[in-house]
Structures are given as C-alpha cells and as structure tokens.
Protein backbone atom coordinates (compact mmCIF):
# COMPACT_ATOMS: atom_id res chain seq x y z
CA UNK A 1 0.00 0.00 0.00
CA UNK A 2 1.28 3.48 -0.86
CA UNK A 3 1.87 5.85 2.01
CA UNK A 4 2.91 9.35 0.98
CA UNK A 5 1.19 11.14 3.86
CA UNK A 6 4.39 12.52 5.43
CA UNK A 7 7.00 13.41 2.76
CA UNK A 8 10.07 15.49 3.63
CA UNK A 9 9.45 17.56 0.50
CA UNK A 10 6.42 17.62 -1.80
CA UNK A 11 5.72 19.35 -5.10
CA UNK A 12 3.16 18.82 -7.84
CA UNK A 13 3.88 21.83 -10.06
CA UNK A 14 6.10 20.04 -12.57
CA UNK A 15 8.72 22.80 -12.38
CA UNK A 16 10.43 22.11 -9.09
CA UNK A 17 13.88 23.14 -7.92
CA UNK A 18 15.59 21.33 -5.08
CA UNK A 19 18.82 22.58 -3.48
CA UNK A 20 21.38 19.86 -2.90
CA UNK A 21 23.06 21.02 0.31
CA UNK A 22 25.17 17.96 1.18
CA UNK A 23 27.30 15.38 -0.58
CA UNK A 24 25.03 12.37 0.03
CA UNK A 25 22.58 10.27 -2.01
CA UNK A 26 19.09 11.76 -2.41
CA UNK A 27 16.00 9.68 -3.18
CA UNK A 28 12.99 11.07 -5.05
CA UNK A 29 9.75 9.18 -5.51
CA UNK A 30 6.90 9.85 -7.87
CA UNK A 31 3.58 8.42 -6.75
CA UNK A 32 0.56 7.98 -8.97
CA UNK A 33 -2.52 7.03 -7.06
CA UNK A 34 -4.92 4.98 -9.13
CA UNK A 35 -6.39 1.51 -8.92
CA UNK A 36 -2.89 0.23 -8.23
CA UNK A 37 -0.06 2.19 -6.71
CA UNK A 38 2.63 3.06 -9.21
CA UNK A 39 5.95 4.18 -7.81
CA UNK A 40 8.85 5.63 -9.77
CA UNK A 41 12.14 6.29 -8.08
CA UNK A 42 15.04 8.55 -9.02
CA UNK A 43 18.29 8.39 -7.09
CA UNK A 44 20.60 11.40 -7.23
CA UNK A 45 24.08 11.09 -5.79
CA UNK A 46 25.79 14.44 -5.22
CA UNK A 47 29.57 14.43 -5.03
CA UNK A 48 31.86 17.35 -4.34
CA UNK A 49 35.55 17.79 -4.94
CA UNK A 50 37.92 17.20 -2.06
CA UNK A 51 38.43 20.66 -0.58
CA UNK A 52 41.58 19.60 1.31
CA UNK A 53 43.71 19.48 -1.85
CA UNK A 54 45.80 22.47 -2.86
CA UNK A 55 44.91 24.04 -6.18
CA UNK A 56 45.62 27.25 -8.06
CA UNK A 57 42.08 27.34 -9.39
CA UNK A 58 39.76 30.16 -8.32
CA UNK A 59 37.73 29.38 -5.17
CA UNK A 60 34.47 29.10 -7.14
CA UNK A 61 35.93 26.20 -9.14
CA UNK A 62 36.39 24.21 -5.94
CA UNK A 63 32.68 24.31 -5.19
CA UNK A 64 31.56 22.44 -8.30
CA UNK A 65 29.01 19.72 -7.58
CA UNK A 66 28.72 16.57 -9.66
CA UNK A 67 25.37 14.81 -9.95
CA UNK A 68 24.78 11.27 -11.13
CA UNK A 69 21.21 10.32 -11.98
CA UNK A 70 19.66 6.88 -11.93
CA UNK A 71 16.02 6.21 -12.79
CA UNK A 72 14.22 3.06 -11.77
CA UNK A 73 10.73 2.34 -13.04
CA UNK A 74 9.96 -0.19 -10.33
C-alpha cells in the first residue's frame, strides 16, 4: 500500500527546484494514485571535490558539484 502522507518535500507543479546542500545520495519518488499504486524512483548522488587538496584554481571552481542520476521504473 502506498503511504505518501508525510514526505520530507512535496511538489506537484512540474517545475520544481531542489537545493542539494550535502554530498550524500538523495532519493525522489513519484507516486501515482490509481487503482494500483505506481511508484517511480530517481536516485541522485551528489559528489563534491575534495576541498583539502591544494589548487591554483579560483575558489568558485572548488565548489563544483557533480550529480549522477539513476532512474528506476519499479
């Protein structure tokens, strides 16, 4: 049985922005309530560069975030 009564974040506008504030995996679920529950899951893993290394690059270049997307239609 689907239970989406207490999500951490909810949006149904179709044009949603979410701020990734930590370098950890994030899990997003799309629920479609009908005769049978249909769940789609997207996993986003956010990685950041190691800030302990010495570099001559400008400080803004050290704050680049890398995102890897995986979509499961289960």
